[in-house]
């Protein structure tokens, strides 16, 4: 595994652990029983109770709401949008705990039915990018269902711990003494999440997630943003490839097409990895790689042209060097 792939794996695992452990560690949650948020073990109080009690006036309350609610939210949103404007949906592909579930279920689906999703019309090739055979078996189907169910239950419990004291939530689960409201929340949330994980996880990432949608909009607004570039001058090298990059994309996109059709790209780099694997015996390397700046214009709606800028695709440069200095 290459260093960048290892880094991405560690970030995904670490952020998923943070997502689960943030409430028990009192790093971030909203306690309905106390009526306020908790941030880094300290209460994050707006001051509505103080205003009702008459200890602060309307001006102080407005200041607290602005400084403790709107400004932090705007700062967080601004940071995410700024990153997305330059580098795309990095949060989705490198941190998001939901996308980690998407990739896990995708892999299990491929083993059980040979497709990433039940809605895919065609089965994926029974051959890995490195040439090894890929075996599917219905025996993996129970494992896939079990994984989706476990993730759904885990997510339901974690979401509840963001709203109620975690000690109460986990204690009630261990003792089997859930309140009726807690039980209803867990059942409804687990059922909805199970359906989403098994049937609609890609659709949620594309159209249902506001965080992902606004990142995509910011990314699309910058024609120089980081994008998966395709060296079309070497398109003939794709003839022996069974669309490995398309098949590897967790979002079921087509990396070689224009940026508009890559609207939901999460910058996970799976397409780049498998392309390099397919072209491992090619001295020029893979045809896909991350590009930005002027090189990214080649992915624009009007950018279906070869850019004269050198350095966009090192493989192309190496071919030119070998042609100028033949052995």
C-alpha atoms as a PDB file:
ATOM      1  CA  UNK A   1       0.000   0.000   0.000  1.00  0.00           C
ATOM      2  CA  UNK A   2       1.416   3.387  -1.020  1.00  0.00           C
ATOM      3  CA  UNK A   3       1.968   6.145   1.583  1.00  0.00           C
ATOM      4  CA  UNK A   4      -0.937   8.258   0.302  1.00  0.00           C
ATOM      5  CA  UNK A   5      -3.303   5.292   0.439  1.00  0.00           C
ATOM      6  CA  UNK A   6      -2.080   4.454   3.934  1.00  0.00           C
ATOM      7  CA  UNK A   7      -2.633   8.050   5.024  1.00  0.00           C
ATOM      8  CA  UNK A   8      -6.174   8.036   3.657  1.00  0.00           C
ATOM      9  CA  UNK A   9      -6.951   4.756   5.432  1.00  0.00           C
ATOM     10  CA  UNK A  10      -5.622   6.078   8.736  1.00  0.00           C
ATOM     11  CA  UNK A  11      -7.586   9.319   8.387  1.00  0.00           C
ATOM     12  CA  UNK A  12     -10.823   7.464   7.635  1.00  0.00           C
ATOM     13  CA  UNK A  13     -10.389   5.053  10.536  1.00  0.00           C
ATOM     14  CA  UNK A  14      -9.372   7.857  12.882  1.00  0.00           C
ATOM     15  CA  UNK A  15     -12.279  10.113  11.950  1.00  0.00           C
ATOM     16  CA  UNK A  16     -14.773   7.244  12.219  1.00  0.00           C
ATOM     17  CA  UNK A  17     -13.420   6.547  15.713  1.00  0.00           C
ATOM     18  CA  UNK A  18     -13.743  10.258  16.534  1.00  0.00           C
ATOM     19  CA  UNK A  19     -17.341  10.219  15.263  1.00  0.00           C
ATOM     20  CA  UNK A  20     -18.160   7.350  17.639  1.00  0.00           C
ATOM     21  CA  UNK A  21     -16.157   8.528  20.652  1.00  0.00           C
ATOM     22  CA  UNK A  22     -16.845  12.285  20.555  1.00  0.00           C
ATOM     23  CA  UNK A  23     -20.017  12.054  22.713  1.00  0.00           C
ATOM     24  CA  UNK A  24     -18.594   9.725  25.422  1.00  0.00           C
ATOM     25  CA  UNK A  25     -15.483  11.913  25.648  1.00  0.00           C
ATOM     26  CA  UNK A  26     -17.636  15.069  25.782  1.00  0.00           C
ATOM     27  CA  UNK A  27     -15.809  16.530  22.818  1.00  0.00           C
ATOM     28  CA  UNK A  28     -18.981  17.532  20.987  1.00  0.00           C
ATOM     29  CA  UNK A  29     -22.653  16.806  21.636  1.00  0.00           C
ATOM     30  CA  UNK A  30     -25.954  18.497  22.391  1.00  0.00           C
ATOM     31  CA  UNK A  31     -27.497  17.371  25.674  1.00  0.00           C
ATOM     32  CA  UNK A  32     -31.284  17.543  25.518  1.00  0.00           C
ATOM     33  CA  UNK A  33     -31.553  16.898  29.250  1.00  0.00           C
ATOM     34  CA  UNK A  34     -29.464  19.995  30.038  1.00  0.00           C
ATOM     35  CA  UNK A  35     -30.689  22.046  27.099  1.00  0.00           C
ATOM     36  CA  UNK A  36     -27.307  23.115  25.790  1.00  0.00           C
ATOM     37  CA  UNK A  37     -24.319  21.886  23.819  1.00  0.00           C
ATOM     38  CA  UNK A  38     -21.103  20.524  25.300  1.00  0.00           C
ATOM     39  CA  UNK A  39     -17.821  21.335  23.568  1.00  0.00           C
ATOM     40  CA  UNK A  40     -14.497  19.950  24.813  1.00  0.00           C
ATOM     41  CA  UNK A  41     -16.031  18.989  28.174  1.00  0.00           C
ATOM     42  CA  UNK A  42     -17.399  22.478  28.811  1.00  0.00           C
ATOM     43  CA  UNK A  43     -20.991  23.666  28.492  1.00  0.00           C
ATOM     44  CA  UNK A  44     -21.638  25.810  25.435  1.00  0.00           C
ATOM     45  CA  UNK A  45     -24.500  27.955  26.688  1.00  0.00           C
ATOM     46  CA  UNK A  46     -26.210  30.616  24.592  1.00  0.00           C
ATOM     47  CA  UNK A  47     -27.909  32.368  27.502  1.00  0.00           C
ATOM     48  CA  UNK A  48     -31.620  32.058  26.779  1.00  0.00           C
ATOM     49  CA  UNK A  49     -32.279  30.954  30.367  1.00  0.00           C
ATOM     50  CA  UNK A  50     -30.322  33.958  31.659  1.00  0.00           C
ATOM     51  CA  UNK A  51     -32.386  36.247  29.428  1.00  0.00           C
ATOM     52  CA  UNK A  52     -35.651  34.748  30.695  1.00  0.00           C
ATOM     53  CA  UNK A  53     -34.397  35.115  34.264  1.00  0.00           C
ATOM     54  CA  UNK A  54     -33.585  38.774  33.578  1.00  0.00           C
ATOM     55  CA  UNK A  55     -29.854  38.520  34.318  1.00  0.00           C
ATOM     56  CA  UNK A  56     -28.884  39.629  30.785  1.00  0.00           C
ATOM     57  CA  UNK A  57     -30.595  42.020  28.382  1.00  0.00           C
ATOM     58  CA  UNK A  58     -31.587  41.506  24.736  1.00  0.00           C
ATOM     59  CA  UNK A  59     -28.351  43.014  23.457  1.00  0.00           C
ATOM     60  CA  UNK A  60     -26.222  40.551  25.433  1.00  0.00           C
ATOM     61  CA  UNK A  61     -28.384  37.670  24.242  1.00  0.00           C
ATOM     62  CA  UNK A  62     -28.032  38.758  20.609  1.00  0.00           C
ATOM     63  CA  UNK A  63     -24.259  39.019  21.043  1.00  0.00           C
ATOM     64  CA  UNK A  64     -24.066  35.517  22.521  1.00  0.00           C
ATOM     65  CA  UNK A  65     -26.195  34.037  19.748  1.00  0.00           C
ATOM     66  CA  UNK A  66     -24.031  35.714  17.137  1.00  0.00           C
ATOM     67  CA  UNK A  67     -20.690  34.805  18.740  1.00  0.00           C
ATOM     68  CA  UNK A  68     -21.570  31.309  19.941  1.00  0.00           C
ATOM     69  CA  UNK A  69     -23.874  30.060  17.166  1.00  0.00           C
ATOM     70  CA  UNK A  70     -23.738  31.929  13.886  1.00  0.00           C
ATOM     71  CA  UNK A  71     -20.049  32.866  13.782  1.00  0.00           C
ATOM     72  CA  UNK A  72     -18.751  29.348  14.654  1.00  0.00           C
ATOM     73  CA  UNK A  73     -21.110  27.813  12.091  1.00  0.00           C
ATOM     74  CA  UNK A  74     -20.082  30.331   9.444  1.00  0.00           C
ATOM     75  CA  UNK A  75     -16.398  29.758  10.235  1.00  0.00           C
ATOM     76  CA  UNK A  76     -16.767  25.970   9.967  1.00  0.00           C
ATOM     77  CA  UNK A  77     -18.784  26.249   6.760  1.00  0.00           C
ATOM     78  CA  UNK A  78     -16.304  28.745   5.333  1.00  0.00           C
ATOM     79  CA  UNK A  79     -13.390  26.434   6.068  1.00  0.00           C
ATOM     80  CA  UNK A  80     -15.085  23.462   4.390  1.00  0.00           C
ATOM     81  CA  UNK A  81     -16.115  25.522   1.360  1.00  0.00           C
ATOM     82  CA  UNK A  82     -12.646  27.062   1.019  1.00  0.00           C
ATOM     83  CA  UNK A  83     -11.017  23.636   1.052  1.00  0.00           C
ATOM     84  CA  UNK A  84     -13.588  22.306  -1.411  1.00  0.00           C
ATOM     85  CA  UNK A  85     -13.109  25.292  -3.735  1.00  0.00           C
ATOM     86  CA  UNK A  86      -9.431  24.428  -4.096  1.00  0.00           C
ATOM     87  CA  UNK A  87      -9.270  20.663  -3.627  1.00  0.00           C
ATOM     88  CA  UNK A  88     -12.815  19.310  -4.012  1.00  0.00           C
ATOM     89  CA  UNK A  89     -14.750  17.060  -1.672  1.00  0.00           C
ATOM     90  CA  UNK A  90     -11.774  16.062   0.479  1.00  0.00           C
ATOM     91  CA  UNK A  91     -13.949  15.752   3.570  1.00  0.00           C
ATOM     92  CA  UNK A  92     -16.149  13.205   1.818  1.00  0.00           C
ATOM     93  CA  UNK A  93     -13.390  11.052   0.413  1.00  0.00           C
ATOM     94  CA  UNK A  94     -10.867  11.307   3.229  1.00  0.00           C
ATOM     95  CA  UNK A  95     -12.831  11.789   6.468  1.00  0.00           C
ATOM     96  CA  UNK A  96     -16.592  11.295   6.213  1.00  0.00           C
ATOM     97  CA  UNK A  97     -17.754   8.299   8.319  1.00  0.00           C
ATOM     98  CA  UNK A  98     -20.704   7.765   5.981  1.00  0.00           C
ATOM     99  CA  UNK A  99     -18.426   7.421   2.962  1.00  0.00           C
ATOM    100  CA  UNK A 100     -16.387   4.843   4.881  1.00  0.00           C
ATOM    101  CA  UNK A 101     -19.578   2.805   5.167  1.00  0.00           C
ATOM    102  CA  UNK A 102     -20.239   3.326   1.448  1.00  0.00           C
ATOM    103  CA  UNK A 103     -16.859   1.911   0.465  1.00  0.00           C
ATOM    104  CA  UNK A 104     -17.156  -1.013   2.894  1.00  0.00           C
ATOM    105  CA  UNK A 105     -20.601  -2.034   1.666  1.00  0.00           C
ATOM    106  CA  UNK A 106     -19.447  -1.556  -1.938  1.00  0.00           C
ATOM    107  CA  UNK A 107     -16.622  -4.051  -1.417  1.00  0.00           C
ATOM    108  CA  UNK A 108     -18.942  -6.590   0.198  1.00  0.00           C
ATOM    109  CA  UNK A 109     -21.558  -6.124  -2.528  1.00  0.00           C
ATOM    110  CA  UNK A 110     -18.935  -6.808  -5.169  1.00  0.00           C
ATOM    111  CA  UNK A 111     -17.955 -10.026  -3.431  1.00  0.00           C
ATOM    112  CA  UNK A 112     -21.545 -11.182  -3.040  1.00  0.00           C
ATOM    113  CA  UNK A 113     -23.250 -10.143  -6.297  1.00  0.00           C
ATOM    114  CA  UNK A 114     -20.418  -8.812  -8.480  1.00  0.00           C
ATOM    115  CA  UNK A 115     -21.752  -5.226  -8.431  1.00  0.00           C
ATOM    116  CA  UNK A 116     -21.310  -2.171  -6.233  1.00  0.00           C
ATOM    117  CA  UNK A 117     -25.054  -1.672  -5.984  1.00  0.00           C
ATOM    118  CA  UNK A 118     -28.263  -3.586  -6.518  1.00  0.00           C
ATOM    119  CA  UNK A 119     -29.263  -0.970  -9.075  1.00  0.00           C
ATOM    120  CA  UNK A 120     -26.236  -1.457 -11.357  1.00  0.00           C
ATOM    121  CA  UNK A 121     -27.307  -3.001 -14.640  1.00  0.00           C
ATOM    122  CA  UNK A 122     -24.070  -4.803 -15.445  1.00  0.00           C
ATOM    123  CA  UNK A 123     -21.813  -6.916 -13.307  1.00  0.00           C
ATOM    124  CA  UNK A 124     -18.237  -5.838 -12.789  1.00  0.00           C
ATOM    125  CA  UNK A 125     -15.421  -7.724 -14.564  1.00  0.00           C
ATOM    126  CA  UNK A 126     -14.303 -10.901 -12.828  1.00  0.00           C
ATOM    127  CA  UNK A 127     -10.726  -9.705 -12.947  1.00  0.00           C
ATOM    128  CA  UNK A 128      -8.853  -7.309 -10.704  1.00  0.00           C
ATOM    129  CA  UNK A 129      -6.880  -4.377 -12.052  1.00  0.00           C
ATOM    130  CA  UNK A 130      -3.649  -6.272 -11.432  1.00  0.00           C
ATOM    131  CA  UNK A 131      -4.866  -9.221 -13.504  1.00  0.00           C
ATOM    132  CA  UNK A 132      -5.833 -11.546 -10.665  1.00  0.00           C
ATOM    133  CA  UNK A 133      -9.292 -13.167 -10.846  1.00  0.00           C
ATOM    134  CA  UNK A 134     -12.100 -11.739  -8.757  1.00  0.00           C
ATOM    135  CA  UNK A 135     -14.391 -14.374  -7.338  1.00  0.00           C
ATOM    136  CA  UNK A 136     -17.950 -13.674  -6.277  1.00  0.00           C
ATOM    137  CA  UNK A 137     -20.065 -15.931  -4.135  1.00  0.00           C
ATOM    138  CA  UNK A 138     -23.617 -15.750  -2.736  1.00  0.00           C
ATOM    139  CA  UNK A 139     -22.066 -16.828   0.562  1.00  0.00           C
ATOM    140  CA  UNK A 140     -20.948 -13.225   1.014  1.00  0.00           C
ATOM    141  CA  UNK A 141     -24.522 -11.954   0.859  1.00  0.00           C
ATOM    142  CA  UNK A 142     -25.322 -12.689   4.551  1.00  0.00           C
ATOM    143  CA  UNK A 143     -22.060 -10.970   5.500  1.00  0.00           C
ATOM    144  CA  UNK A 144     -23.079  -7.921   3.465  1.00  0.00           C
ATOM    145  CA  UNK A 145     -26.513  -7.734   5.113  1.00  0.00           C
ATOM    146  CA  UNK A 146     -24.987  -8.260   8.550  1.00  0.00           C
ATOM    147  CA  UNK A 147     -22.434  -5.473   7.970  1.00  0.00           C
ATOM    148  CA  UNK A 148     -25.157  -3.045   6.833  1.00  0.00           C
ATOM    149  CA  UNK A 149     -27.237  -3.943   9.898  1.00  0.00           C
ATOM    150  CA  UNK A 150     -24.303  -3.524  12.296  1.00  0.00           C
ATOM    151  CA  UNK A 151     -23.416  -0.155  10.783  1.00  0.00           C
ATOM    152  CA  UNK A 152     -27.067   0.937  10.994  1.00  0.00           C
ATOM    153  CA  UNK A 153     -27.344  -0.051  14.657  1.00  0.00           C
ATOM    154  CA  UNK A 154     -24.009   1.581  15.482  1.00  0.00           C
ATOM    155  CA  UNK A 155     -24.971   4.800  13.764  1.00  0.00           C
ATOM    156  CA  UNK A 156     -28.363   4.868  15.510  1.00  0.00           C
ATOM    157  CA  UNK A 157     -26.742   4.458  18.932  1.00  0.00           C
ATOM    158  CA  UNK A 158     -24.064   7.053  18.188  1.00  0.00           C
ATOM    159  CA  UNK A 159     -26.613   9.586  16.944  1.00  0.00           C
ATOM    160  CA  UNK A 160     -28.656   9.088  20.103  1.00  0.00           C
ATOM    161  CA  UNK A 161     -25.529   9.633  22.208  1.00  0.00           C
ATOM    162  CA  UNK A 162     -25.142  13.036  20.549  1.00  0.00           C
ATOM    163  CA  UNK A 163     -28.536  14.009  22.005  1.00  0.00           C
ATOM    164  CA  UNK A 164     -28.652  12.276  25.393  1.00  0.00           C
ATOM    165  CA  UNK A 165     -25.950  11.632  28.008  1.00  0.00           C
ATOM    166  CA  UNK A 166     -23.794   8.833  26.551  1.00  0.00           C
ATOM    167  CA  UNK A 167     -23.502   7.109  29.937  1.00  0.00           C
ATOM    168  CA  UNK A 168     -27.296   6.900  30.045  1.00  0.00           C
ATOM    169  CA  UNK A 169     -27.562   5.616  26.469  1.00  0.00           C
ATOM    170  CA  UNK A 170     -24.897   2.930  26.744  1.00  0.00           C
ATOM    171  CA  UNK A 171     -25.911   2.019  30.278  1.00  0.00           C
ATOM    172  CA  UNK A 172     -29.522   1.501  29.195  1.00  0.00           C
ATOM    173  CA  UNK A 173     -28.365  -0.679  26.311  1.00  0.00           C
ATOM    174  CA  UNK A 174     -26.164  -2.852  28.504  1.00  0.00           C
ATOM    175  CA  UNK A 175     -28.875  -3.240  31.139  1.00  0.00           C
ATOM    176  CA  UNK A 176     -31.700  -3.669  28.636  1.00  0.00           C
ATOM    177  CA  UNK A 177     -33.643  -0.801  30.181  1.00  0.00           C
ATOM    178  CA  UNK A 178     -34.214   1.573  27.298  1.00  0.00           C
ATOM    179  CA  UNK A 179     -36.998   4.065  27.747  1.00  0.00           C
ATOM    180  CA  UNK A 180     -39.869   3.894  25.209  1.00  0.00           C
ATOM    181  CA  UNK A 181     -38.638   7.047  23.459  1.00  0.00           C
ATOM    182  CA  UNK A 182     -35.072   5.760  23.300  1.00  0.00           C
ATOM    183  CA  UNK A 183     -36.219   2.423  21.925  1.00  0.00           C
ATOM    184  CA  UNK A 184     -38.416   4.088  19.298  1.00  0.00           C
ATOM    185  CA  UNK A 185     -35.579   6.350  18.206  1.00  0.00           C
ATOM    186  CA  UNK A 186     -33.127   3.460  17.870  1.00  0.00           C
ATOM    187  CA  UNK A 187     -35.572   1.231  15.978  1.00  0.00           C
ATOM    188  CA  UNK A 188     -36.689   3.911  13.517  1.00  0.00           C
ATOM    189  CA  UNK A 189     -33.160   5.251  12.968  1.00  0.00           C
ATOM    190  CA  UNK A 190     -31.671   1.771  12.524  1.00  0.00           C
ATOM    191  CA  UNK A 191     -34.350   0.732  10.013  1.00  0.00           C
ATOM    192  CA  UNK A 192     -33.944   3.916   7.955  1.00  0.00           C
ATOM    193  CA  UNK A 193     -30.153   3.700   8.035  1.00  0.00           C
ATOM    194  CA  UNK A 194     -30.215   0.012   7.073  1.00  0.00           C
ATOM    195  CA  UNK A 195     -32.395   0.805   4.058  1.00  0.00           C
ATOM    196  CA  UNK A 196     -30.124   3.696   3.104  1.00  0.00           C
ATOM    197  CA  UNK A 197     -26.924   1.681   3.497  1.00  0.00           C
ATOM    198  CA  UNK A 198     -28.188  -1.236   1.427  1.00  0.00           C
ATOM    199  CA  UNK A 199     -30.204   0.555  -1.258  1.00  0.00           C
ATOM    200  CA  UNK A 200     -29.484   4.273  -1.488  1.00  0.00           C
ATOM    201  CA  UNK A 201     -26.056   5.091  -0.020  1.00  0.00           C
ATOM    202  CA  UNK A 202     -24.731   6.462  -3.355  1.00  0.00           C
ATOM    203  CA  UNK A 203     -27.873   8.509  -3.929  1.00  0.00           C
ATOM    204  CA  UNK A 204     -27.575  10.042  -0.477  1.00  0.00           C
ATOM    205  CA  UNK A 205     -23.962  11.061  -1.109  1.00  0.00           C
ATOM    206  CA  UNK A 206     -24.868  12.589  -4.466  1.00  0.00           C
ATOM    207  CA  UNK A 207     -28.170  14.321  -3.740  1.00  0.00           C
ATOM    208  CA  UNK A 208     -29.115  13.978  -0.057  1.00  0.00           C
ATOM    209  CA  UNK A 209     -26.039  15.250   1.792  1.00  0.00           C
ATOM    210  CA  UNK A 210     -25.955  19.031   2.117  1.00  0.00           C
ATOM    211  CA  UNK A 211     -22.277  18.983   3.145  1.00  0.00           C
ATOM    212  CA  UNK A 212     -21.338  17.081   0.004  1.00  0.00           C
ATOM    213  CA  UNK A 213     -23.591  19.152  -2.251  1.00  0.00           C
ATOM    214  CA  UNK A 214     -22.138  22.504  -1.188  1.00  0.00           C
ATOM    215  CA  UNK A 215     -18.606  21.136  -1.506  1.00  0.00           C
ATOM    216  CA  UNK A 216     -19.384  20.056  -5.072  1.00  0.00           C
ATOM    217  CA  UNK A 217     -20.858  23.456  -5.929  1.00  0.00           C
ATOM    218  CA  UNK A 218     -17.769  25.225  -4.603  1.00  0.00           C
ATOM    219  CA  UNK A 219     -15.491  22.838  -6.494  1.00  0.00           C
ATOM    220  CA  UNK A 220     -17.379  23.312  -9.747  1.00  0.00           C
ATOM    221  CA  UNK A 221     -17.082  27.086  -9.402  1.00  0.00           C
ATOM    222  CA  UNK A 222     -13.275  26.878  -9.623  1.00  0.00           C
ATOM    223  CA  UNK A 223     -12.021  25.655 -13.036  1.00  0.00           C
ATOM    224  CA  UNK A 224      -8.479  25.465 -11.634  1.00  0.00           C
ATOM    225  CA  UNK A 225      -9.378  23.229  -8.688  1.00  0.00           C
ATOM    226  CA  UNK A 226      -7.783  19.847  -8.110  1.00  0.00           C
ATOM    227  CA  UNK A 227      -9.338  17.249 -10.408  1.00  0.00           C
ATOM    228  CA  UNK A 228      -8.568  13.820 -11.813  1.00  0.00           C
ATOM    229  CA  UNK A 229      -6.931  14.565 -15.162  1.00  0.00           C
ATOM    230  CA  UNK A 230      -6.902  12.194 -18.131  1.00  0.00           C
ATOM    231  CA  UNK A 231      -4.045  12.153 -20.642  1.00  0.00           C
ATOM    232  CA  UNK A 232      -6.093  11.832 -23.834  1.00  0.00           C
ATOM    233  CA  UNK A 233      -2.950  11.765 -25.992  1.00  0.00           C
ATOM    234  CA  UNK A 234      -2.443   8.237 -24.681  1.00  0.00           C
ATOM    235  CA  UNK A 235      -6.060   7.138 -24.916  1.00  0.00           C
ATOM    236  CA  UNK A 236      -4.982   4.199 -27.067  1.00  0.00           C
ATOM    237  CA  UNK A 237      -3.443   2.672 -23.926  1.00  0.00           C
ATOM    238  CA  UNK A 238      -6.975   2.268 -22.577  1.00  0.00           C
ATOM    239  CA  UNK A 239      -7.938  -0.195 -25.310  1.00  0.00           C
ATOM    240  CA  UNK A 240      -6.692  -3.195 -23.351  1.00  0.00           C
ATOM    241  CA  UNK A 241      -8.400  -2.032 -20.148  1.00  0.00           C
ATOM    242  CA  UNK A 242     -11.936  -3.066 -19.157  1.00  0.00           C
ATOM    243  CA  UNK A 243     -12.818   0.380 -17.734  1.00  0.00           C
ATOM    244  CA  UNK A 244     -10.966  -0.354 -14.498  1.00  0.00           C
ATOM    245  CA  UNK A 245     -11.140   3.285 -13.370  1.00  0.00           C
ATOM    246  CA  UNK A 246     -14.924   3.420 -13.837  1.00  0.00           C
ATOM    247  CA  UNK A 247     -15.368   0.137 -12.006  1.00  0.00           C
ATOM    248  CA  UNK A 248     -13.209   1.255  -9.077  1.00  0.00           C
ATOM    249  CA  UNK A 249     -15.043   4.533  -8.417  1.00  0.00           C
ATOM    250  CA  UNK A 250     -17.095   4.214  -5.184  1.00  0.00           C
ATOM    251  CA  UNK A 251     -19.520   6.840  -6.505  1.00  0.00           C
ATOM    252  CA  UNK A 252     -19.891   5.021  -9.845  1.00  0.00           C
ATOM    253  CA  UNK A 253     -18.578   7.972 -11.865  1.00  0.00           C
ATOM    254  CA  UNK A 254     -16.520   8.024 -15.069  1.00  0.00           C
ATOM    255  CA  UNK A 255     -13.153   9.675 -14.296  1.00  0.00           C
ATOM    256  CA  UNK A 256     -12.148  10.152 -17.936  1.00  0.00           C
ATOM    257  CA  UNK A 257     -15.102  12.353 -18.758  1.00  0.00           C
ATOM    258  CA  UNK A 258     -15.493  16.136 -18.297  1.00  0.00           C
ATOM    259  CA  UNK A 259     -15.649  17.734 -14.868  1.00  0.00           C
ATOM    260  CA  UNK A 260     -19.386  18.383 -15.073  1.00  0.00           C
ATOM    261  CA  UNK A 261     -19.991  14.637 -15.067  1.00  0.00           C
ATOM    262  CA  UNK A 262     -17.655  14.295 -12.075  1.00  0.00           C
ATOM    263  CA  UNK A 263     -19.828  16.579  -9.923  1.00  0.00           C
ATOM    264  CA  UNK A 264     -19.938  14.105  -7.019  1.00  0.00           C
ATOM    265  CA  UNK A 265     -16.245  13.129  -7.112  1.00  0.00           C
ATOM    266  CA  UNK A 266     -14.882  12.644  -3.599  1.00  0.00           C
ATOM    267  CA  UNK A 267     -11.188  12.795  -4.564  1.00  0.00           C
ATOM    268  CA  UNK A 268     -10.643   9.338  -3.084  1.00  0.00           C
ATOM    269  CA  UNK A 269      -8.089   8.507  -5.781  1.00  0.00           C
ATOM    270  CA  UNK A 270      -9.290   4.931  -6.370  1.00  0.00           C
ATOM    271  CA  UNK A 271      -9.466   5.496 -10.126  1.00  0.00           C
ATOM    272  CA  UNK A 272      -5.865   6.782 -10.173  1.00  0.00           C
ATOM    273  CA  UNK A 273      -4.694   3.792  -8.150  1.00  0.00           C
ATOM    274  CA  UNK A 274      -6.224   1.144 -10.407  1.00  0.00           C
ATOM    275  CA  UNK A 275      -5.160   2.951 -13.595  1.00  0.00           C
ATOM    276  CA  UNK A 276      -1.564   2.895 -12.384  1.00  0.00           C
ATOM    277  CA  UNK A 277      -2.026  -0.789 -11.556  1.00  0.00           C
ATOM    278  CA  UNK A 278      -3.323  -1.591 -15.044  1.00  0.00           C
ATOM    279  CA  UNK A 279      -0.460   0.374 -16.631  1.00  0.00           C
ATOM    280  CA  UNK A 280       2.168  -1.023 -14.251  1.00  0.00           C
ATOM    281  CA  UNK A 281       4.192  -2.400 -17.184  1.00  0.00           C
ATOM    282  CA  UNK A 282       3.909   0.845 -19.145  1.00  0.00           C
ATOM    283  CA  UNK A 283       6.957   3.093 -18.754  1.00  0.00           C
ATOM    284  CA  UNK A 284       4.702   6.151 -19.014  1.00  0.00           C
ATOM    285  CA  UNK A 285       2.663   5.073 -16.005  1.00  0.00           C
ATOM    286  CA  UNK A 286      -1.055   5.614 -15.531  1.00  0.00           C
ATOM    287  CA  UNK A 287      -3.228   7.878 -17.651  1.00  0.00           C
ATOM    288  CA  UNK A 288      -5.045   9.370 -14.676  1.00  0.00           C
ATOM    289  CA  UNK A 289      -3.579  11.671 -12.062  1.00  0.00           C
ATOM    290  CA  UNK A 290      -4.524  14.668  -9.998  1.00  0.00           C
ATOM    291  CA  UNK A 291      -4.002  17.970 -11.781  1.00  0.00           C
ATOM    292  CA  UNK A 292      -4.761  21.559 -10.848  1.00  0.00           C
ATOM    293  CA  UNK A 293      -4.237  25.089 -12.106  1.00  0.00           C
ATOM    294  CA  UNK A 294      -3.994  25.471 -15.910  1.00  0.00           C
ATOM    295  CA  UNK A 295      -3.776  21.690 -16.310  1.00  0.00           C
ATOM    296  CA  UNK A 296      -7.244  21.333 -14.752  1.00  0.00           C
ATOM    297  CA  UNK A 297      -8.789  23.361 -17.592  1.00  0.00           C
ATOM    298  CA  UNK A 298      -8.548  20.280 -19.766  1.00  0.00           C
ATOM    299  CA  UNK A 299     -11.438  18.794 -17.771  1.00  0.00           C
ATOM    300  CA  UNK A 300     -13.717  21.771 -18.347  1.00  0.00           C
ATOM    301  CA  UNK A 301     -16.784  21.798 -20.560  1.00  0.00           C
ATOM    302  CA  UNK A 302     -14.774  23.471 -23.317  1.00  0.00           C
ATOM    303  CA  UNK A 303     -11.544  21.821 -22.343  1.00  0.00           C
ATOM    304  CA  UNK A 304     -11.627  18.726 -24.529  1.00  0.00           C
ATOM    305  CA  UNK A 305      -8.348  19.700 -26.090  1.00  0.00           C
ATOM    306  CA  UNK A 306      -4.722  18.879 -25.494  1.00  0.00           C
ATOM    307  CA  UNK A 307      -3.065  21.510 -23.357  1.00  0.00           C
ATOM    308  CA  UNK A 308       0.268  22.844 -24.477  1.00  0.00           C
ATOM    309  CA  UNK A 309       1.357  23.336 -20.853  1.00  0.00           C
ATOM    310  CA  UNK A 310       4.239  21.036 -20.058  1.00  0.00           C
ATOM    311  CA  UNK A 311       4.345  19.071 -16.834  1.00  0.00           C
ATOM    312  CA  UNK A 312       0.629  18.248 -16.703  1.00  0.00           C
ATOM    313  CA  UNK A 313       1.344  14.589 -17.386  1.00  0.00           C
ATOM    314  CA  UNK A 314       4.882  13.463 -16.575  1.00  0.00           C
ATOM    315  CA  UNK A 315       4.304  10.292 -18.554  1.00  0.00           C
ATOM    316  CA  UNK A 316       3.809  12.293 -21.720  1.00  0.00           C
ATOM    317  CA  UNK A 317       7.045  14.136 -21.023  1.00  0.00           C
ATOM    318  CA  UNK A 318       8.953  10.892 -20.530  1.00  0.00           C
ATOM    319  CA  UNK A 319       7.719   9.665 -23.924  1.00  0.00           C
ATOM    320  CA  UNK A 320       9.008  12.814 -25.538  1.00  0.00           C
ATOM    321  CA  UNK A 321      12.372  12.384 -23.855  1.00  0.00           C
ATOM    322  CA  UNK A 322      12.695   8.809 -25.076  1.00  0.00           C
ATOM    323  CA  UNK A 323      11.732   9.847 -28.596  1.00  0.00           C
ATOM    324  CA  UNK A 324      14.371  12.577 -28.612  1.00  0.00           C
ATOM    325  CA  UNK A 325      17.026  10.291 -27.154  1.00  0.00           C
ATOM    326  CA  UNK A 326      16.414   6.819 -28.558  1.00  0.00           C
ATOM    327  CA  UNK A 327      18.680   4.019 -27.537  1.00  0.00           C
END
